[in-house]
Amino acid sequence: MVREPMSPVKDKNYDLIHAVQMSLQHIWQLETYIADAENRGDSELATWFRKIQENNRKAGDQGKKLLIDRLQREKG
C-alpha cells in the first residue's frame, strides 16, 4: 500500500475538510461515469454509480455538519 506523505498542515480539522472535499468531488466526477455508462446502454452500471454518488452526497453532508458543529464549539 502506498502512503502519501504526511500533510504539512497540522490543523485538527484538516483531515475532515479534505474528506468532505473528496466526497463532494466524487459526486461531480461520478456524473461523467454515469453518462458514460448510459451512453453504452449499461443501466446496471449507471445505477451502481448513482448509489455510490448518493453515498458520497450523504458523507459530504454529514462531514459539513460535523465541521460546522466543531467550528462553532471552537468559536464559543
N, C-alpha and C. Protein backbone atom coordinates (compact mmCIF):
# COMPACT_ATOMS: atom_id res chain seq x y z
N MET A 1 0.84 -1.17 0.00
CA MET A 1 0.00 0.00 0.00
C MET A 1 0.89 1.24 0.00
N VAL A 2 0.62 2.16 -0.87
CA VAL A 2 1.40 3.39 -0.96
C VAL A 2 0.82 4.42 -0.01
N ARG A 3 1.69 4.99 0.77
CA ARG A 3 1.24 6.03 1.71
C ARG A 3 1.66 7.39 1.19
N GLU A 4 0.73 8.31 1.26
CA GLU A 4 1.05 9.69 0.89
C GLU A 4 1.88 10.30 2.01
N PRO A 5 2.72 11.27 1.67
CA PRO A 5 3.49 11.93 2.72
C PRO A 5 2.56 12.64 3.70
N MET A 6 3.03 12.77 4.91
CA MET A 6 2.22 13.46 5.92
C MET A 6 1.98 14.89 5.48
N SER A 7 0.80 15.37 5.79
CA SER A 7 0.45 16.74 5.45
C SER A 7 1.26 17.71 6.30
N PRO A 8 1.71 18.79 5.69
CA PRO A 8 2.39 19.82 6.48
C PRO A 8 1.40 20.61 7.33
N VAL A 9 0.11 20.43 7.05
CA VAL A 9 -0.92 21.16 7.79
C VAL A 9 -1.24 20.37 9.05
N LYS A 10 -1.09 21.00 10.19
CA LYS A 10 -1.30 20.31 11.46
C LYS A 10 -2.61 20.72 12.13
N ASP A 11 -3.48 21.40 11.40
CA ASP A 11 -4.78 21.78 11.92
C ASP A 11 -5.61 20.53 12.15
N LYS A 12 -6.28 20.45 13.30
CA LYS A 12 -7.01 19.24 13.64
C LYS A 12 -8.21 18.99 12.75
N ASN A 13 -8.67 20.00 12.05
CA ASN A 13 -9.83 19.82 11.16
C ASN A 13 -9.42 19.57 9.71
N TYR A 14 -8.14 19.57 9.43
CA TYR A 14 -7.68 19.42 8.05
C TYR A 14 -8.18 18.13 7.41
N ASP A 15 -8.03 17.01 8.10
CA ASP A 15 -8.46 15.73 7.54
C ASP A 15 -9.97 15.73 7.26
N LEU A 16 -10.72 16.32 8.16
CA LEU A 16 -12.17 16.40 7.97
C LEU A 16 -12.50 17.24 6.74
N ILE A 17 -11.87 18.38 6.61
CA ILE A 17 -12.10 19.25 5.46
C ILE A 17 -11.73 18.53 4.17
N HIS A 18 -10.61 17.85 4.18
CA HIS A 18 -10.15 17.14 2.99
C HIS A 18 -11.11 16.00 2.63
N ALA A 19 -11.61 15.27 3.61
CA ALA A 19 -12.54 14.18 3.35
C ALA A 19 -13.85 14.71 2.77
N VAL A 20 -14.33 15.83 3.28
CA VAL A 20 -15.55 16.44 2.73
C VAL A 20 -15.30 16.87 1.29
N GLN A 21 -14.17 17.48 1.03
CA GLN A 21 -13.83 17.91 -0.33
C GLN A 21 -13.80 16.73 -1.28
N MET A 22 -13.20 15.63 -0.85
CA MET A 22 -13.12 14.44 -1.71
C MET A 22 -14.50 13.85 -1.98
N SER A 23 -15.36 13.81 -0.97
CA SER A 23 -16.72 13.31 -1.16
C SER A 23 -17.47 14.15 -2.18
N LEU A 24 -17.36 15.47 -2.06
CA LEU A 24 -18.05 16.37 -2.98
C LEU A 24 -17.47 16.27 -4.39
N GLN A 25 -16.16 16.10 -4.48
CA GLN A 25 -15.53 15.94 -5.79
C GLN A 25 -16.00 14.65 -6.46
N HIS A 26 -16.15 13.60 -5.70
CA HIS A 26 -16.59 12.33 -6.26
C HIS A 26 -18.03 12.41 -6.78
N ILE A 27 -18.87 13.20 -6.12
CA ILE A 27 -20.24 13.40 -6.61
C ILE A 27 -20.19 13.94 -8.02
N TRP A 28 -19.39 14.96 -8.22
CA TRP A 28 -19.26 15.59 -9.54
C TRP A 28 -18.64 14.63 -10.54
N GLN A 29 -17.59 13.93 -10.14
CA GLN A 29 -16.86 13.02 -11.03
C GLN A 29 -17.74 11.85 -11.48
N LEU A 30 -18.59 11.37 -10.60
CA LEU A 30 -19.46 10.26 -10.94
C LEU A 30 -20.47 10.62 -12.01
N GLU A 31 -20.78 11.90 -12.18
CA GLU A 31 -21.68 12.31 -13.27
C GLU A 31 -21.12 11.85 -14.62
N THR A 32 -19.82 11.97 -14.80
CA THR A 32 -19.18 11.52 -16.04
C THR A 32 -19.32 10.02 -16.20
N TYR A 33 -19.08 9.28 -15.13
CA TYR A 33 -19.17 7.83 -15.19
C TYR A 33 -20.59 7.37 -15.48
N ILE A 34 -21.57 8.04 -14.88
CA ILE A 34 -22.98 7.72 -15.13
C ILE A 34 -23.32 7.95 -16.59
N ALA A 35 -22.90 9.11 -17.11
CA ALA A 35 -23.17 9.42 -18.52
C ALA A 35 -22.50 8.42 -19.45
N ASP A 36 -21.27 8.04 -19.14
CA ASP A 36 -20.57 7.05 -19.96
C ASP A 36 -21.31 5.72 -19.97
N ALA A 37 -21.75 5.27 -18.80
CA ALA A 37 -22.47 4.00 -18.70
C ALA A 37 -23.79 4.08 -19.47
N GLU A 38 -24.50 5.19 -19.32
CA GLU A 38 -25.77 5.35 -20.04
C GLU A 38 -25.56 5.38 -21.55
N ASN A 39 -24.50 6.04 -21.98
CA ASN A 39 -24.20 6.11 -23.42
C ASN A 39 -23.88 4.74 -23.99
N ARG A 40 -23.37 3.83 -23.17
CA ARG A 40 -23.07 2.47 -23.59
C ARG A 40 -24.27 1.54 -23.39
N GLY A 41 -25.36 2.10 -22.85
CA GLY A 41 -26.55 1.30 -22.62
C GLY A 41 -26.44 0.39 -21.41
N ASP A 42 -25.55 0.70 -20.48
CA ASP A 42 -25.32 -0.13 -19.30
C ASP A 42 -26.03 0.50 -18.10
N SER A 43 -27.32 0.24 -18.01
CA SER A 43 -28.11 0.84 -16.93
C SER A 43 -27.73 0.26 -15.56
N GLU A 44 -27.28 -0.99 -15.52
CA GLU A 44 -26.87 -1.59 -14.26
C GLU A 44 -25.68 -0.83 -13.67
N LEU A 45 -24.70 -0.53 -14.51
CA LEU A 45 -23.53 0.20 -14.04
C LEU A 45 -23.90 1.64 -13.67
N ALA A 46 -24.74 2.27 -14.47
CA ALA A 46 -25.19 3.65 -14.17
C ALA A 46 -25.89 3.69 -12.82
N THR A 47 -26.72 2.69 -12.54
CA THR A 47 -27.43 2.63 -11.26
C THR A 47 -26.44 2.46 -10.11
N TRP A 48 -25.45 1.61 -10.31
CA TRP A 48 -24.44 1.40 -9.27
C TRP A 48 -23.67 2.69 -9.00
N PHE A 49 -23.29 3.42 -10.07
CA PHE A 49 -22.60 4.70 -9.89
C PHE A 49 -23.49 5.70 -9.15
N ARG A 50 -24.78 5.69 -9.44
CA ARG A 50 -25.71 6.60 -8.73
C ARG A 50 -25.76 6.29 -7.24
N LYS A 51 -25.71 5.01 -6.90
CA LYS A 51 -25.71 4.62 -5.48
C LYS A 51 -24.45 5.12 -4.79
N ILE A 52 -23.32 4.98 -5.45
CA ILE A 52 -22.07 5.50 -4.90
C ILE A 52 -22.15 7.01 -4.75
N GLN A 53 -22.71 7.66 -5.76
CA GLN A 53 -22.86 9.11 -5.74
C GLN A 53 -23.72 9.54 -4.55
N GLU A 54 -24.79 8.83 -4.30
CA GLU A 54 -25.66 9.16 -3.17
C GLU A 54 -24.93 8.95 -1.84
N ASN A 55 -24.15 7.89 -1.74
CA ASN A 55 -23.36 7.67 -0.52
C ASN A 55 -22.37 8.81 -0.30
N ASN A 56 -21.75 9.28 -1.37
CA ASN A 56 -20.82 10.41 -1.26
C ASN A 56 -21.56 11.68 -0.87
N ARG A 57 -22.77 11.85 -1.39
CA ARG A 57 -23.57 13.03 -1.04
C ARG A 57 -23.89 13.01 0.45
N LYS A 58 -24.30 11.84 0.96
CA LYS A 58 -24.60 11.72 2.38
C LYS A 58 -23.35 11.97 3.23
N ALA A 59 -22.22 11.40 2.81
CA ALA A 59 -20.97 11.60 3.56
C ALA A 59 -20.57 13.07 3.55
N GLY A 60 -20.72 13.73 2.40
CA GLY A 60 -20.40 15.16 2.31
C GLY A 60 -21.28 15.99 3.23
N ASP A 61 -22.57 15.69 3.23
CA ASP A 61 -23.49 16.42 4.09
C ASP A 61 -23.18 16.18 5.57
N GLN A 62 -22.89 14.94 5.94
CA GLN A 62 -22.53 14.62 7.32
C GLN A 62 -21.24 15.32 7.72
N GLY A 63 -20.27 15.32 6.82
CA GLY A 63 -19.00 15.97 7.11
C GLY A 63 -19.14 17.47 7.27
N LYS A 64 -19.97 18.08 6.41
CA LYS A 64 -20.19 19.53 6.53
C LYS A 64 -20.84 19.87 7.87
N LYS A 65 -21.82 19.06 8.28
CA LYS A 65 -22.47 19.30 9.57
C LYS A 65 -21.48 19.14 10.71
N LEU A 66 -20.67 18.09 10.64
CA LEU A 66 -19.66 17.86 11.67
C LEU A 66 -18.68 19.03 11.75
N LEU A 67 -18.25 19.52 10.60
CA LEU A 67 -17.32 20.64 10.57
C LEU A 67 -17.96 21.90 11.16
N ILE A 68 -19.19 22.17 10.79
CA ILE A 68 -19.90 23.34 11.33
C ILE A 68 -19.98 23.24 12.85
N ASP A 69 -20.39 22.08 13.34
CA ASP A 69 -20.50 21.88 14.79
C ASP A 69 -19.16 22.10 15.48
N ARG A 70 -18.10 21.56 14.91
CA ARG A 70 -16.77 21.69 15.51
C ARG A 70 -16.30 23.15 15.52
N LEU A 71 -16.51 23.84 14.41
CA LEU A 71 -16.08 25.23 14.33
C LEU A 71 -16.88 26.12 15.28
N GLN A 72 -18.17 25.84 15.44
CA GLN A 72 -18.98 26.62 16.36
C GLN A 72 -18.53 26.39 17.80
N ARG A 73 -18.18 25.15 18.14
CA ARG A 73 -17.69 24.86 19.51
C ARG A 73 -16.36 25.58 19.77
N GLU A 74 -15.50 25.63 18.77
CA GLU A 74 -14.22 26.31 18.93
C GLU A 74 -14.40 27.81 19.10
N LYS A 75 -15.38 28.35 18.40
CA LYS A 75 -15.65 29.79 18.44
C LYS A 75 -16.21 30.20 19.79
N GLY A 76 -17.09 29.35 20.30
CA GLY A 76 -17.82 29.68 21.52
C GLY A 76 -17.02 29.53 22.73
